[in-house]
Amino acid sequence: MPFDRTAWSALAQWPRRRWAAAGLAAISTVLLVGIPTVLVPTPVFGREVPVTGWAWPALIVTSVLAGLVAATYVRTGAPSAGDDVSRAGLVGGFLTYLAVGCPVCNKIALLALGYTGVLQWFAPVQPFLAVAGIALLAYALRRRLEGERSCPVPDRTPVA
């Protein structure tokens, strides 16, 4: 589902506070995903497998989309989309977290597949998880923006 003019026009009409919320949410996403996956190095976490070349681009795209989706929840009078859109955004962010993380640091995958199995089976799937996560976030953003433009709420400002 590519973005159409309606979605872009909804973005163009955002007030400053929505853009500020989008920026704050995008930065928060980079930190919330980047620190535990050691894309952002800290002395608290370690990584056994080096960061892949696609991990940072996937995290940046995810952060931008997650920031925009989060900003759609800043109240401007537009109705909200359904719960399926909220779930799509959450699942998209989680899939990216799994995608950019160290495969042998994922305790669930490590317990299920073992060290060799994780490197042989889970690591090659991670780029597809990133693409699926980004696609779900793009879907959630498009649906949220369609909801803003398709059924605007009348202005209830009292007339003097």
N, C-alpha and C. Protein backbone atom coordinates (compact mmCIF):
# COMPACT_ATOMS: atom_id res chain seq x y z
N MET A 1 0.82 -1.18 0.00
CA MET A 1 0.00 0.00 0.00
C MET A 1 0.88 1.25 0.00
N PRO A 2 1.10 1.85 -1.14
CA PRO A 2 1.91 3.07 -1.15
C PRO A 2 1.13 4.24 -0.56
N PHE A 3 1.89 5.23 -0.11
CA PHE A 3 1.26 6.43 0.42
C PHE A 3 0.63 7.20 -0.73
N ASP A 4 -0.54 7.73 -0.51
CA ASP A 4 -1.19 8.53 -1.53
C ASP A 4 -1.19 9.99 -1.09
N ARG A 5 -1.80 10.84 -1.90
CA ARG A 5 -1.82 12.27 -1.59
C ARG A 5 -2.54 12.56 -0.29
N THR A 6 -3.54 11.78 0.03
CA THR A 6 -4.28 12.01 1.27
C THR A 6 -3.38 11.85 2.48
N ALA A 7 -2.56 10.82 2.48
CA ALA A 7 -1.65 10.60 3.61
C ALA A 7 -0.62 11.72 3.70
N TRP A 8 -0.06 12.12 2.56
CA TRP A 8 0.94 13.19 2.57
C TRP A 8 0.31 14.51 2.98
N SER A 9 -0.91 14.77 2.55
CA SER A 9 -1.56 16.03 2.93
C SER A 9 -1.87 16.05 4.42
N ALA A 10 -2.16 14.88 5.00
CA ALA A 10 -2.39 14.83 6.45
C ALA A 10 -1.10 15.18 7.20
N LEU A 11 0.03 14.66 6.72
CA LEU A 11 1.32 14.99 7.34
C LEU A 11 1.63 16.48 7.21
N ALA A 12 1.31 17.05 6.07
CA ALA A 12 1.62 18.46 5.82
C ALA A 12 0.83 19.39 6.74
N GLN A 13 -0.28 18.93 7.26
CA GLN A 13 -1.12 19.77 8.10
C GLN A 13 -0.86 19.57 9.59
N TRP A 14 0.12 18.81 9.94
CA TRP A 14 0.42 18.58 11.35
C TRP A 14 0.91 19.85 12.03
N PRO A 15 0.47 20.07 13.26
CA PRO A 15 1.01 21.21 14.02
C PRO A 15 2.41 20.88 14.55
N ARG A 16 3.09 21.90 15.05
CA ARG A 16 4.46 21.73 15.55
C ARG A 16 4.55 20.71 16.67
N ARG A 17 3.56 20.67 17.54
CA ARG A 17 3.65 19.74 18.68
C ARG A 17 3.63 18.28 18.21
N ARG A 18 2.95 18.01 17.10
CA ARG A 18 2.99 16.65 16.57
C ARG A 18 4.36 16.32 16.02
N TRP A 19 4.98 17.26 15.32
CA TRP A 19 6.32 17.02 14.80
C TRP A 19 7.32 16.87 15.93
N ALA A 20 7.14 17.64 16.99
CA ALA A 20 8.02 17.50 18.16
C ALA A 20 7.84 16.13 18.79
N ALA A 21 6.59 15.67 18.89
CA ALA A 21 6.32 14.33 19.44
C ALA A 21 6.92 13.25 18.54
N ALA A 22 6.85 13.45 17.23
CA ALA A 22 7.43 12.47 16.30
C ALA A 22 8.95 12.40 16.48
N GLY A 23 9.59 13.54 16.61
CA GLY A 23 11.04 13.56 16.81
C GLY A 23 11.44 12.92 18.13
N LEU A 24 10.71 13.24 19.19
CA LEU A 24 11.00 12.66 20.50
C LEU A 24 10.79 11.15 20.49
N ALA A 25 9.71 10.69 19.86
CA ALA A 25 9.44 9.25 19.78
C ALA A 25 10.48 8.54 18.92
N ALA A 26 10.95 9.18 17.85
CA ALA A 26 11.97 8.56 17.00
C ALA A 26 13.29 8.41 17.76
N ILE A 27 13.68 9.45 18.47
CA ILE A 27 14.92 9.38 19.27
C ILE A 27 14.77 8.33 20.37
N SER A 28 13.61 8.29 21.00
CA SER A 28 13.36 7.29 22.04
C SER A 28 13.44 5.88 21.48
N THR A 29 12.92 5.69 20.27
CA THR A 29 12.97 4.37 19.65
C THR A 29 14.41 3.95 19.37
N VAL A 30 15.23 4.87 18.89
CA VAL A 30 16.63 4.54 18.65
C VAL A 30 17.28 4.10 19.95
N LEU A 31 17.00 4.81 21.04
CA LEU A 31 17.61 4.46 22.32
C LEU A 31 17.03 3.18 22.91
N LEU A 32 15.70 3.02 22.84
CA LEU A 32 15.07 1.83 23.42
C LEU A 32 15.44 0.54 22.69
N VAL A 33 15.66 0.65 21.39
CA VAL A 33 16.05 -0.54 20.62
C VAL A 33 17.58 -0.63 20.52
N GLY A 34 18.23 0.50 20.34
CA GLY A 34 19.66 0.50 20.11
C GLY A 34 20.52 0.15 21.31
N ILE A 35 20.10 0.55 22.51
CA ILE A 35 20.92 0.26 23.69
C ILE A 35 20.93 -1.23 24.03
N PRO A 36 19.79 -1.89 24.20
CA PRO A 36 19.88 -3.31 24.55
C PRO A 36 20.41 -4.21 23.43
N THR A 37 20.30 -3.76 22.18
CA THR A 37 20.83 -4.57 21.08
C THR A 37 22.28 -4.19 20.77
N VAL A 38 22.83 -3.26 21.52
CA VAL A 38 24.21 -2.80 21.45
C VAL A 38 24.54 -2.15 20.11
N LEU A 39 23.56 -1.61 19.45
CA LEU A 39 23.86 -0.73 18.32
C LEU A 39 24.39 0.59 18.87
N VAL A 40 23.86 0.99 20.02
CA VAL A 40 24.39 2.12 20.77
C VAL A 40 25.22 1.51 21.89
N PRO A 41 26.54 1.61 21.81
CA PRO A 41 27.39 0.93 22.80
C PRO A 41 27.25 1.53 24.20
N THR A 42 27.15 0.67 25.18
CA THR A 42 27.13 1.05 26.59
C THR A 42 27.90 0.00 27.37
N PRO A 43 28.36 0.34 28.56
CA PRO A 43 29.06 -0.67 29.36
C PRO A 43 28.11 -1.70 29.98
N VAL A 44 26.83 -1.48 29.88
CA VAL A 44 25.84 -2.37 30.51
C VAL A 44 25.61 -3.63 29.68
N PHE A 45 25.53 -3.49 28.37
CA PHE A 45 25.21 -4.63 27.50
C PHE A 45 26.40 -4.99 26.63
N GLY A 46 26.47 -6.26 26.26
CA GLY A 46 27.51 -6.73 25.37
C GLY A 46 26.89 -7.47 24.19
N ARG A 47 27.67 -7.66 23.16
CA ARG A 47 27.18 -8.31 21.95
C ARG A 47 28.21 -9.32 21.49
N GLU A 48 27.77 -10.55 21.26
CA GLU A 48 28.67 -11.64 20.84
C GLU A 48 28.93 -11.64 19.34
N VAL A 49 27.96 -11.18 18.56
CA VAL A 49 28.05 -11.20 17.10
C VAL A 49 28.12 -9.75 16.62
N PRO A 50 29.01 -9.42 15.68
CA PRO A 50 29.11 -8.03 15.23
C PRO A 50 27.81 -7.53 14.60
N VAL A 51 27.64 -6.22 14.66
CA VAL A 51 26.46 -5.57 14.07
C VAL A 51 26.52 -5.73 12.56
N THR A 52 25.39 -6.07 11.95
CA THR A 52 25.32 -6.24 10.50
C THR A 52 25.22 -4.88 9.81
N GLY A 53 25.50 -4.85 8.55
CA GLY A 53 25.46 -3.61 7.78
C GLY A 53 24.06 -3.04 7.61
N TRP A 54 23.06 -3.87 7.68
CA TRP A 54 21.69 -3.40 7.49
C TRP A 54 21.00 -3.03 8.79
N ALA A 55 21.62 -3.27 9.92
CA ALA A 55 20.96 -3.04 11.21
C ALA A 55 20.68 -1.56 11.46
N TRP A 56 21.66 -0.69 11.23
CA TRP A 56 21.43 0.75 11.45
C TRP A 56 20.39 1.32 10.50
N PRO A 57 20.47 1.05 9.18
CA PRO A 57 19.40 1.56 8.31
C PRO A 57 18.01 1.07 8.72
N ALA A 58 17.92 -0.20 9.12
CA ALA A 58 16.63 -0.73 9.56
C ALA A 58 16.14 -0.01 10.82
N LEU A 59 17.06 0.25 11.75
CA LEU A 59 16.69 0.94 12.97
C LEU A 59 16.28 2.38 12.69
N ILE A 60 16.98 3.06 11.79
CA ILE A 60 16.63 4.45 11.47
C ILE A 60 15.26 4.52 10.81
N VAL A 61 15.00 3.67 9.83
CA VAL A 61 13.69 3.67 9.17
C VAL A 61 12.59 3.33 10.17
N THR A 62 12.85 2.34 11.01
CA THR A 62 11.87 1.97 12.04
C THR A 62 11.62 3.13 12.99
N SER A 63 12.67 3.82 13.40
CA SER A 63 12.52 4.93 14.34
C SER A 63 11.70 6.07 13.74
N VAL A 64 11.96 6.38 12.49
CA VAL A 64 11.19 7.44 11.83
C VAL A 64 9.71 7.05 11.74
N LEU A 65 9.46 5.82 11.28
CA LEU A 65 8.06 5.38 11.18
C LEU A 65 7.40 5.28 12.55
N ALA A 66 8.11 4.76 13.54
CA ALA A 66 7.54 4.66 14.89
C ALA A 66 7.27 6.05 15.46
N GLY A 67 8.15 7.00 15.19
CA GLY A 67 7.92 8.36 15.64
C GLY A 67 6.69 8.97 15.01
N LEU A 68 6.52 8.76 13.71
CA LEU A 68 5.35 9.29 13.02
C LEU A 68 4.06 8.61 13.51
N VAL A 69 4.12 7.30 13.71
CA VAL A 69 2.94 6.60 14.22
C VAL A 69 2.59 7.10 15.62
N ALA A 70 3.60 7.24 16.47
CA ALA A 70 3.35 7.73 17.83
C ALA A 70 2.76 9.14 17.80
N ALA A 71 3.24 9.97 16.89
CA ALA A 71 2.73 11.35 16.81
C ALA A 71 1.27 11.40 16.37
N THR A 72 0.80 10.38 15.68
CA THR A 72 -0.62 10.38 15.29
C THR A 72 -1.54 10.25 16.50
N TYR A 73 -0.99 9.86 17.63
CA TYR A 73 -1.79 9.74 18.84
C TYR A 73 -1.85 11.05 19.63
N VAL A 74 -1.10 12.06 19.19
CA VAL A 74 -1.18 13.38 19.80
C VAL A 74 -2.50 14.00 19.34
N ARG A 75 -3.33 14.36 20.26
CA ARG A 75 -4.70 14.78 19.96
C ARG A 75 -4.74 16.08 19.16
N THR A 76 -5.45 16.03 18.04
CA THR A 76 -5.73 17.24 17.26
C THR A 76 -7.20 17.32 16.89
N GLY A 77 -8.00 16.44 17.42
CA GLY A 77 -9.42 16.43 17.11
C GLY A 77 -9.81 15.37 16.11
N ALA A 78 -8.86 14.70 15.49
CA ALA A 78 -9.17 13.67 14.51
C ALA A 78 -9.51 12.37 15.23
N PRO A 79 -10.40 11.57 14.66
CA PRO A 79 -10.73 10.28 15.29
C PRO A 79 -9.56 9.33 15.17
N SER A 80 -9.50 8.38 16.10
CA SER A 80 -8.41 7.41 16.06
C SER A 80 -8.82 6.20 15.24
N ALA A 81 -7.80 5.53 14.71
CA ALA A 81 -8.05 4.30 13.96
C ALA A 81 -8.28 3.16 14.93
N GLY A 82 -8.61 2.00 14.41
CA GLY A 82 -8.94 0.86 15.25
C GLY A 82 -7.74 0.23 15.93
N ASP A 83 -8.03 -0.77 16.77
CA ASP A 83 -6.99 -1.46 17.52
C ASP A 83 -6.04 -2.24 16.63
N ASP A 84 -6.49 -2.68 15.45
CA ASP A 84 -5.61 -3.43 14.56
C ASP A 84 -4.41 -2.60 14.14
N VAL A 85 -4.61 -1.30 14.01
CA VAL A 85 -3.52 -0.42 13.63
C VAL A 85 -2.54 -0.30 14.78
N SER A 86 -3.03 -0.17 16.00
CA SER A 86 -2.15 -0.09 17.17
C SER A 86 -1.32 -1.35 17.30
N ARG A 87 -1.95 -2.49 17.11
CA ARG A 87 -1.22 -3.76 17.20
C ARG A 87 -0.18 -3.88 16.10
N ALA A 88 -0.51 -3.42 14.90
CA ALA A 88 0.45 -3.49 13.78
C ALA A 88 1.69 -2.67 14.10
N GLY A 89 1.53 -1.50 14.68
CA GLY A 89 2.68 -0.68 15.04
C GLY A 89 3.52 -1.32 16.12
N LEU A 90 2.89 -1.89 17.13
CA LEU A 90 3.63 -2.54 18.21
C LEU A 90 4.38 -3.77 17.70
N VAL A 91 3.72 -4.58 16.90
CA VAL A 91 4.37 -5.78 16.37
C VAL A 91 5.51 -5.39 15.44
N GLY A 92 5.31 -4.34 14.64
CA GLY A 92 6.37 -3.87 13.75
C GLY A 92 7.61 -3.44 14.51
N GLY A 93 7.43 -2.70 15.59
CA GLY A 93 8.56 -2.30 16.42
C GLY A 93 9.25 -3.49 17.07
N PHE A 94 8.49 -4.45 17.54
CA PHE A 94 9.06 -5.63 18.17
C PHE A 94 9.84 -6.48 17.17
N LEU A 95 9.31 -6.62 15.96
CA LEU A 95 10.03 -7.40 14.95
C LEU A 95 11.37 -6.76 14.61
N THR A 96 11.40 -5.44 14.55
CA THR A 96 12.67 -4.77 14.29
C THR A 96 13.64 -4.97 15.45
N TYR A 97 13.13 -4.95 16.67
CA TYR A 97 13.98 -5.22 17.83
C TYR A 97 14.62 -6.60 17.71
N LEU A 98 13.83 -7.60 17.33
CA LEU A 98 14.38 -8.94 17.13
C LEU A 98 15.35 -8.97 15.96
N ALA A 99 15.07 -8.18 14.94
CA ALA A 99 15.90 -8.20 13.74
C ALA A 99 17.28 -7.61 13.96
N VAL A 100 17.37 -6.49 14.67
CA VAL A 100 18.67 -5.83 14.80
C VAL A 100 19.48 -6.33 15.99
N GLY A 101 18.86 -7.14 16.84
CA GLY A 101 19.55 -7.66 18.00
C GLY A 101 20.56 -8.73 17.65
N CYS A 102 21.46 -8.97 18.58
CA CYS A 102 22.45 -10.03 18.44
C CYS A 102 21.71 -11.37 18.47
N PRO A 103 21.89 -12.22 17.46
CA PRO A 103 21.12 -13.47 17.43
C PRO A 103 21.40 -14.39 18.61
N VAL A 104 22.64 -14.44 19.08
CA VAL A 104 22.94 -15.33 20.20
C VAL A 104 22.63 -14.68 21.55
N CYS A 105 22.26 -13.41 21.55
CA CYS A 105 21.85 -12.73 22.79
C CYS A 105 20.35 -12.88 23.03
N ASN A 106 19.61 -13.35 22.03
CA ASN A 106 18.18 -13.57 22.16
C ASN A 106 17.99 -14.88 22.92
N LYS A 107 17.63 -14.76 24.19
CA LYS A 107 17.56 -15.94 25.07
C LYS A 107 16.52 -16.96 24.60
N ILE A 108 15.40 -16.49 24.09
CA ILE A 108 14.36 -17.43 23.63
C ILE A 108 14.86 -18.22 22.43
N ALA A 109 15.44 -17.52 21.45
CA ALA A 109 15.97 -18.21 20.27
C ALA A 109 17.12 -19.14 20.67
N LEU A 110 17.95 -18.69 21.59
CA LEU A 110 19.07 -19.50 22.03
C LEU A 110 18.61 -20.78 22.73
N LEU A 111 17.59 -20.67 23.58
CA LEU A 111 17.05 -21.86 24.24
C LEU A 111 16.37 -22.80 23.26
N ALA A 112 15.66 -22.23 22.30
CA ALA A 112 14.92 -23.06 21.35
C ALA A 112 15.82 -23.73 20.32
N LEU A 113 16.85 -23.01 19.85
CA LEU A 113 17.64 -23.51 18.74
C LEU A 113 19.08 -23.87 19.10
N GLY A 114 19.57 -23.41 20.24
CA GLY A 114 20.97 -23.62 20.58
C GLY A 114 21.85 -22.63 19.85
N TYR A 115 23.11 -22.55 20.26
CA TYR A 115 24.03 -21.56 19.69
C TYR A 115 24.20 -21.75 18.18
N THR A 116 24.47 -22.97 17.75
CA THR A 116 24.66 -23.23 16.33
C THR A 116 23.38 -23.01 15.55
N GLY A 117 22.26 -23.45 16.10
CA GLY A 117 20.97 -23.27 15.43
C GLY A 117 20.60 -21.81 15.26
N VAL A 118 20.91 -21.00 16.27
CA VAL A 118 20.62 -19.57 16.18
C VAL A 118 21.42 -18.94 15.05
N LEU A 119 22.70 -19.27 14.98
CA LEU A 119 23.53 -18.71 13.92
C LEU A 119 23.15 -19.26 12.54
N GLN A 120 22.71 -20.50 12.50
CA GLN A 120 22.37 -21.12 11.22
C GLN A 120 20.96 -20.80 10.76
N TRP A 121 20.00 -20.68 11.68
CA TRP A 121 18.60 -20.53 11.30
C TRP A 121 18.01 -19.16 11.62
N PHE A 122 18.31 -18.62 12.80
CA PHE A 122 17.69 -17.35 13.20
C PHE A 122 18.38 -16.14 12.56
N ALA A 123 19.70 -16.12 12.55
CA ALA A 123 20.44 -14.98 12.00
C ALA A 123 20.08 -14.69 10.53
N PRO A 124 19.95 -15.72 9.67
CA PRO A 124 19.57 -15.42 8.28
C PRO A 124 18.15 -14.89 8.12
N VAL A 125 17.29 -15.11 9.11
CA VAL A 125 15.91 -14.65 9.03
C VAL A 125 15.77 -13.20 9.50
N GLN A 126 16.75 -12.70 10.24
CA GLN A 126 16.65 -11.37 10.82
C GLN A 126 16.39 -10.26 9.80
N PRO A 127 17.02 -10.24 8.62
CA PRO A 127 16.68 -9.18 7.65
C PRO A 127 15.21 -9.22 7.23
N PHE A 128 14.64 -10.41 7.16
CA PHE A 128 13.22 -10.52 6.79
C PHE A 128 12.33 -10.00 7.92
N LEU A 129 12.77 -10.22 9.16
CA LEU A 129 12.04 -9.66 10.30
C LEU A 129 12.06 -8.13 10.25
N ALA A 130 13.20 -7.57 9.88
CA ALA A 130 13.31 -6.12 9.75
C ALA A 130 12.36 -5.58 8.69
N VAL A 131 12.33 -6.24 7.54
CA VAL A 131 11.43 -5.81 6.46
C VAL A 131 9.97 -5.93 6.89
N ALA A 132 9.63 -7.03 7.56
CA ALA A 132 8.25 -7.21 8.03
C ALA A 132 7.89 -6.15 9.07
N GLY A 133 8.81 -5.84 9.97
CA GLY A 133 8.55 -4.81 10.97
C GLY A 133 8.34 -3.46 10.35
N ILE A 134 9.17 -3.10 9.38
CA ILE A 134 9.04 -1.81 8.70
C ILE A 134 7.73 -1.77 7.91
N ALA A 135 7.37 -2.87 7.27
CA ALA A 135 6.10 -2.91 6.52
C ALA A 135 4.90 -2.73 7.45
N LEU A 136 4.93 -3.36 8.61
CA LEU A 136 3.82 -3.20 9.56
C LEU A 136 3.74 -1.77 10.09
N LEU A 137 4.87 -1.14 10.35
CA LEU A 137 4.85 0.25 10.80
C LEU A 137 4.34 1.17 9.69
N ALA A 138 4.74 0.93 8.45
CA ALA A 138 4.24 1.74 7.33
C ALA A 138 2.73 1.56 7.17
N TYR A 139 2.26 0.33 7.32
CA TYR A 139 0.82 0.07 7.26
C TYR A 139 0.09 0.82 8.38
N ALA A 140 0.63 0.75 9.59
CA ALA A 140 -0.01 1.44 10.71
C ALA A 140 -0.04 2.94 10.48
N LEU A 141 1.05 3.50 9.98
CA LEU A 141 1.09 4.95 9.72
C LEU A 141 0.08 5.33 8.65
N ARG A 142 0.03 4.57 7.59
CA ARG A 142 -0.91 4.89 6.51
C ARG A 142 -2.35 4.84 7.01
N ARG A 143 -2.69 3.81 7.77
CA ARG A 143 -4.05 3.70 8.30
C ARG A 143 -4.38 4.85 9.25
N ARG A 144 -3.43 5.22 10.11
CA ARG A 144 -3.65 6.32 11.03
C ARG A 144 -3.86 7.63 10.27
N LEU A 145 -3.07 7.85 9.22
CA LEU A 145 -3.21 9.08 8.44
C LEU A 145 -4.49 9.09 7.63
N GLU A 146 -4.91 7.94 7.12
CA GLU A 146 -6.19 7.87 6.41
C GLU A 146 -7.33 8.23 7.35
N GLY A 147 -7.25 7.78 8.59
CA GLY A 147 -8.29 8.09 9.57
C GLY A 147 -8.39 9.57 9.86
N GLU A 148 -7.29 10.28 9.77
CA GLU A 148 -7.31 11.72 10.01
C GLU A 148 -7.98 12.47 8.87
N ARG A 149 -7.79 12.02 7.66
CA ARG A 149 -8.30 12.74 6.50
C ARG A 149 -9.68 12.29 6.06
N SER A 150 -10.08 11.07 6.38
CA SER A 150 -11.33 10.55 5.84
C SER A 150 -12.56 11.01 6.61
N CYS A 151 -12.38 11.35 7.87
CA CYS A 151 -13.54 11.69 8.68
C CYS A 151 -13.16 12.80 9.67
N PRO A 152 -12.94 14.02 9.18
CA PRO A 152 -12.52 15.07 10.09
C PRO A 152 -13.63 15.44 11.07
N VAL A 153 -13.22 15.76 12.28
CA VAL A 153 -14.15 16.17 13.32
C VAL A 153 -14.40 17.65 13.20
N PRO A 154 -15.66 18.09 13.27
CA PRO A 154 -15.92 19.54 13.14
C PRO A 154 -15.30 20.32 14.29
N ASP A 155 -14.90 21.54 13.98
CA ASP A 155 -14.31 22.41 14.99
C ASP A 155 -15.42 22.86 15.93
N ARG A 156 -15.19 22.72 17.23
CA ARG A 156 -16.21 23.09 18.23
C ARG A 156 -15.84 24.36 18.96
N THR A 157 -15.14 25.24 18.29
CA THR A 157 -14.78 26.51 18.87
C THR A 157 -16.01 27.40 18.94
N PRO A 158 -16.30 27.95 20.14
CA PRO A 158 -17.48 28.81 20.24
C PRO A 158 -17.34 30.08 19.40
N VAL A 159 -18.40 30.43 18.73
CA VAL A 159 -18.42 31.63 17.89
C VAL A 159 -18.85 32.79 18.77
N ALA A 160 -18.07 33.87 18.73
CA ALA A 160 -18.38 35.04 19.56
C ALA A 160 -19.41 35.93 18.92
